[in-house]
Amino acid sequence: MARVLVVEDDVEINQLISIYLGKEGIMSEQAFDGRQAMVCIESSSYDLVILDLMLPMIDGFEVLRRLREHSTIPVLILTAKGEETDKIIGLGCGADDYVTKPFSVFELMARVKAHLRRNEYYKPSLEHEQMSLLYIGDITLDREQCLVTKKGHHLSLTAKEYQLLELFMTHPRKVFTKENLYLNIWNDQIVEGDNTVMVHISRLRGKIEDVPEQPSIIKTVRGIGYKLGEL
């Protein structure tokens, strides 16, 4: 079942759109401001986003800009009638389509279904993209290019640092002991008293954490080992 995120601060409009999506057999989730929308986008995957431009907290243009930093999912923007500039800017920021308010809910549903059909046609390539890109907070790891970026800026990691980060990001809920990490990355039994893992974790934190002394991306599980944080 297709999943659509409806981002609209007008509760009645948001609910109306969600009701009609349900009638079409389309699952929907609701967000009522830009900040809530970003939380949804960062924690879930969608096949389409319906995005109002005039939002509290974070406006629709900024939501669209941030979304386009890491995703190609279709975005259909809602604009006020006659705001030609908003349409142009929205499309220029990466929106795929627009509907002006007040709008016909039937026209909106027709456009939604058209984008979902198109998205379904290209789904294999989109799934491949999603598998090759991993995210944690503002960190992106591109497995095809072996490239790690933070807020769009390249991070220079050693091979072992990259492998450690990739291991954590592909197993986000797993707690790794030092022995686990040594076997996975160095393919060897850990020597008692060896601090190789600890040193590499410390260096990696120094490159990816905002405050390395208070890590939030790679967390220490006291007495056991390390795990990926939940940002």
Protein backbone atom coordinates (compact mmCIF):
# COMPACT_ATOMS: atom_id res chain seq x y z
CA MET A 1 0.00 0.00 0.00
CA ALA A 2 1.31 3.45 -0.96
CA ARG A 3 2.15 5.83 1.90
CA VAL A 4 1.63 9.59 1.61
CA LEU A 5 2.69 12.28 4.07
CA VAL A 6 0.22 15.18 4.21
CA VAL A 7 1.89 18.35 5.51
CA GLU A 8 -0.77 21.02 6.03
CA ASP A 9 -1.32 23.25 9.07
CA ASP A 10 -5.04 23.70 8.39
CA VAL A 11 -6.51 20.78 10.34
CA GLU A 12 -9.71 20.57 8.28
CA ILE A 13 -7.86 20.54 4.95
CA ASN A 14 -5.35 18.01 6.27
CA GLN A 15 -8.09 15.71 7.48
CA LEU A 16 -10.08 16.10 4.24
CA ILE A 17 -7.08 15.09 2.13
CA SER A 18 -6.34 12.15 4.43
CA ILE A 19 -9.96 10.93 4.26
CA TYR A 20 -9.97 10.98 0.46
CA LEU A 21 -6.59 9.25 0.32
CA GLY A 22 -8.07 6.52 2.49
CA LYS A 23 -11.02 6.18 0.10
CA GLU A 24 -8.50 5.56 -2.69
CA GLY A 25 -6.82 2.84 -0.64
CA ILE A 26 -3.78 5.03 0.09
CA MET A 27 -2.27 5.11 3.57
CA SER A 28 -1.58 8.61 4.91
CA GLU A 29 0.20 10.26 7.80
CA GLN A 30 -0.34 13.82 8.94
CA ALA A 31 1.99 16.64 9.91
CA PHE A 32 0.76 20.12 10.88
CA ASP A 33 4.00 22.14 10.87
CA GLY A 34 7.40 22.01 9.24
CA ARG A 35 9.24 20.66 12.25
CA GLN A 36 6.82 17.76 12.62
CA ALA A 37 7.14 17.10 8.89
CA MET A 38 10.92 16.79 9.16
CA VAL A 39 10.60 14.33 12.05
CA CYS A 40 8.25 12.19 9.93
CA ILE A 41 10.49 12.37 6.86
CA GLU A 42 13.62 11.44 8.82
CA SER A 43 12.01 8.52 10.64
CA SER A 44 9.80 6.97 7.93
CA SER A 45 9.67 6.39 4.18
CA TYR A 46 6.91 7.67 1.91
CA ASP A 47 5.90 7.33 -1.72
CA LEU A 48 4.68 10.94 -1.99
CA VAL A 49 4.63 14.13 0.09
CA ILE A 50 1.79 16.65 -0.19
CA LEU A 51 3.35 19.85 1.11
CA ASP A 52 1.78 23.18 1.99
CA LEU A 53 4.25 26.02 1.57
CA MET A 54 2.97 28.31 4.33
CA LEU A 55 3.77 26.31 7.46
CA PRO A 56 4.61 27.28 11.05
CA MET A 57 7.96 26.38 12.68
CA ILE A 58 9.71 25.59 9.36
CA ASP A 59 8.17 26.77 6.10
CA GLY A 60 7.45 24.46 3.19
CA PHE A 61 10.32 25.78 1.08
CA GLU A 62 12.85 24.81 3.75
CA VAL A 63 11.21 21.41 4.27
CA LEU A 64 11.48 20.81 0.53
CA ARG A 65 15.11 21.95 0.44
CA ARG A 66 16.10 19.62 3.28
CA LEU A 67 14.16 16.72 1.78
CA ARG A 68 15.90 17.13 -1.57
CA GLU A 69 19.30 16.85 0.11
CA HIS A 70 18.79 13.09 0.40
CA SER A 71 15.59 11.99 -1.34
CA THR A 72 13.96 11.97 -4.77
CA ILE A 73 10.42 11.03 -3.67
CA PRO A 74 7.70 13.00 -5.47
CA VAL A 75 6.54 16.22 -3.77
CA LEU A 76 3.24 17.90 -4.65
CA ILE A 77 3.06 21.42 -3.24
CA LEU A 78 -0.06 23.33 -2.22
CA THR A 79 0.07 27.06 -2.98
CA ALA A 80 -2.29 29.98 -2.50
CA LYS A 81 -4.28 31.00 -5.57
CA GLY A 82 -2.46 33.51 -7.72
CA GLU A 83 0.94 33.12 -5.99
CA GLU A 84 2.82 32.50 -9.23
CA THR A 85 6.18 33.21 -7.58
CA ASP A 86 5.62 30.47 -4.99
CA LYS A 87 4.91 27.96 -7.75
CA ILE A 88 8.08 28.90 -9.62
CA ILE A 89 10.25 28.82 -6.49
CA GLY A 90 8.70 25.55 -5.31
CA LEU A 91 9.30 23.84 -8.65
CA GLY A 92 12.80 25.30 -8.74
CA CYS A 93 13.51 23.83 -5.28
CA GLY A 94 12.62 20.36 -6.48
CA ALA A 95 8.84 20.00 -6.26
CA ASP A 96 7.30 17.74 -8.90
CA ASP A 97 3.86 19.32 -9.17
CA TYR A 98 1.56 21.88 -7.55
CA VAL A 99 -2.10 22.46 -6.80
CA THR A 100 -3.47 25.91 -6.00
CA LYS A 101 -5.87 26.65 -3.15
CA PRO A 102 -8.80 26.45 -3.13
CA PHE A 103 -8.51 23.16 -4.95
CA SER A 104 -10.71 20.34 -6.15
CA VAL A 105 -10.07 17.29 -4.01
CA PHE A 106 -10.83 15.14 -7.06
CA GLU A 107 -8.15 16.88 -9.10
CA LEU A 108 -5.74 16.47 -6.19
CA MET A 109 -6.47 12.73 -5.98
CA ALA A 110 -5.96 12.37 -9.74
CA ARG A 111 -2.56 14.05 -9.50
CA VAL A 112 -1.60 11.96 -6.45
CA LYS A 113 -2.46 8.71 -8.24
CA ALA A 114 -0.54 9.81 -11.35
CA HIS A 115 2.61 10.45 -9.31
CA LEU A 116 2.23 7.19 -7.40
CA ARG A 117 1.93 5.27 -10.69
CA ARG A 118 5.05 6.97 -11.99
CA ASN A 119 6.86 6.32 -8.72
CA GLU A 120 5.89 2.64 -8.87
CA TYR A 121 7.29 2.39 -12.41
CA TYR A 122 10.68 3.66 -11.24
CA LYS A 123 10.56 1.88 -7.88
CA PRO A 124 13.43 -0.59 -8.51
CA SER A 125 15.87 2.27 -9.08
CA LEU A 126 14.52 4.18 -6.06
CA GLU A 127 14.90 1.12 -3.84
CA HIS A 128 18.45 0.71 -5.09
CA GLU A 129 19.16 4.32 -4.17
CA GLN A 130 17.70 3.86 -0.70
CA MET A 131 19.80 0.74 -0.12
CA SER A 132 22.99 2.50 -1.16
CA LEU A 133 22.42 5.56 1.04
CA LEU A 134 22.42 5.30 4.84
CA TYR A 135 21.51 8.12 7.25
CA ILE A 136 22.00 9.00 10.90
CA GLY A 137 21.24 12.57 11.97
CA ASP A 138 22.97 14.85 9.47
CA ILE A 139 25.42 12.11 8.40
CA THR A 140 24.99 10.41 5.01
CA LEU A 141 26.95 7.32 4.00
CA ASP A 142 27.00 6.48 0.28
CA ARG A 143 27.88 2.79 -0.01
CA GLU A 144 28.40 2.92 -3.78
CA GLN A 145 30.92 5.75 -3.66
CA CYS A 146 32.31 4.86 -0.19
CA LEU A 147 31.65 8.50 0.69
CA VAL A 148 30.55 10.02 4.00
CA THR A 149 29.17 13.54 4.27
CA LYS A 150 27.94 15.68 7.15
CA LYS A 151 25.54 18.51 6.32
CA GLY A 152 26.65 18.08 2.71
CA HIS A 153 30.38 18.38 3.50
CA HIS A 154 32.75 15.49 2.77
CA LEU A 155 34.36 13.77 5.75
CA SER A 156 37.81 12.29 5.27
CA LEU A 157 37.68 8.87 6.93
CA THR A 158 40.27 6.12 6.86
CA ALA A 159 39.23 2.73 5.48
CA LYS A 160 38.77 1.27 8.97
CA GLU A 161 36.81 4.31 10.18
CA TYR A 162 34.51 4.03 7.16
CA GLN A 163 34.02 0.30 7.72
CA LEU A 164 33.20 0.87 11.39
CA LEU A 165 30.62 3.54 10.59
CA GLU A 166 29.07 1.42 7.82
CA LEU A 167 28.81 -1.56 10.20
CA PHE A 168 26.99 0.52 12.82
CA MET A 169 24.66 2.12 10.26
CA THR A 170 23.69 -1.20 8.65
CA HIS A 171 22.92 -2.66 12.10
CA PRO A 172 21.30 0.33 13.87
CA ARG A 173 19.90 -1.64 16.82
CA LYS A 174 22.80 -4.01 17.45
CA VAL A 175 25.23 -3.59 20.35
CA PHE A 176 28.76 -4.55 19.29
CA THR A 177 31.39 -5.70 21.75
CA LYS A 178 35.04 -4.88 21.07
CA GLU A 179 35.45 -8.52 20.07
CA ASN A 180 32.55 -8.25 17.58
CA LEU A 181 34.05 -5.17 15.99
CA TYR A 182 37.53 -6.63 15.80
CA LEU A 183 36.25 -9.78 14.12
CA ASN A 184 34.10 -7.81 11.65
CA ILE A 185 36.60 -5.12 10.70
CA TRP A 186 40.01 -6.67 11.29
CA ASN A 187 38.96 -10.31 10.73
CA ASP A 188 41.03 -11.45 13.67
CA GLN A 189 40.67 -12.49 17.28
CA ILE A 190 41.14 -9.57 19.65
CA VAL A 191 44.20 -9.64 21.83
CA GLU A 192 43.57 -9.08 25.52
CA GLY A 193 44.41 -5.52 26.44
CA ASP A 194 44.46 -4.41 22.79
CA ASN A 195 42.94 -0.93 22.42
CA THR A 196 42.80 -0.83 18.61
CA VAL A 197 39.01 -0.68 18.52
CA MET A 198 38.81 2.01 21.19
CA VAL A 199 41.39 4.18 19.39
CA HIS A 200 39.56 3.90 16.04
CA ILE A 201 36.19 4.63 17.65
CA SER A 202 37.69 7.71 19.30
CA ARG A 203 39.14 8.96 16.00
CA LEU A 204 35.87 8.30 14.18
CA ARG A 205 33.92 10.22 16.82
CA GLY A 206 36.31 13.12 16.42
CA LYS A 207 35.26 13.39 12.76
CA ILE A 208 31.51 12.73 12.90
CA GLU A 209 30.33 13.93 16.31
CA ASP A 210 29.40 17.55 17.10
CA VAL A 211 30.85 17.07 20.59
CA PRO A 212 33.17 14.01 20.56
CA GLU A 213 33.36 14.00 24.36
CA GLN A 214 29.55 13.61 24.48
CA PRO A 215 28.90 11.29 21.50
CA SER A 216 25.39 10.94 20.14
CA ILE A 217 26.03 9.00 16.92
CA ILE A 218 28.17 6.16 18.27
CA LYS A 219 27.12 5.53 21.85
CA THR A 220 29.01 3.61 24.50
CA VAL A 221 27.01 0.83 26.14
CA ARG A 222 28.68 0.67 29.52
CA GLY A 223 30.33 -2.64 30.25
CA ILE A 224 29.38 -4.11 26.87
CA GLY A 225 30.53 -2.12 23.85
CA TYR A 226 29.11 0.34 21.31
CA LYS A 227 25.93 0.96 19.30
CA LEU A 228 24.47 3.47 16.91
CA GLY A 229 22.67 6.34 18.65
CA GLU A 230 19.01 7.17 18.10
CA LEU A 231 18.85 10.74 16.80
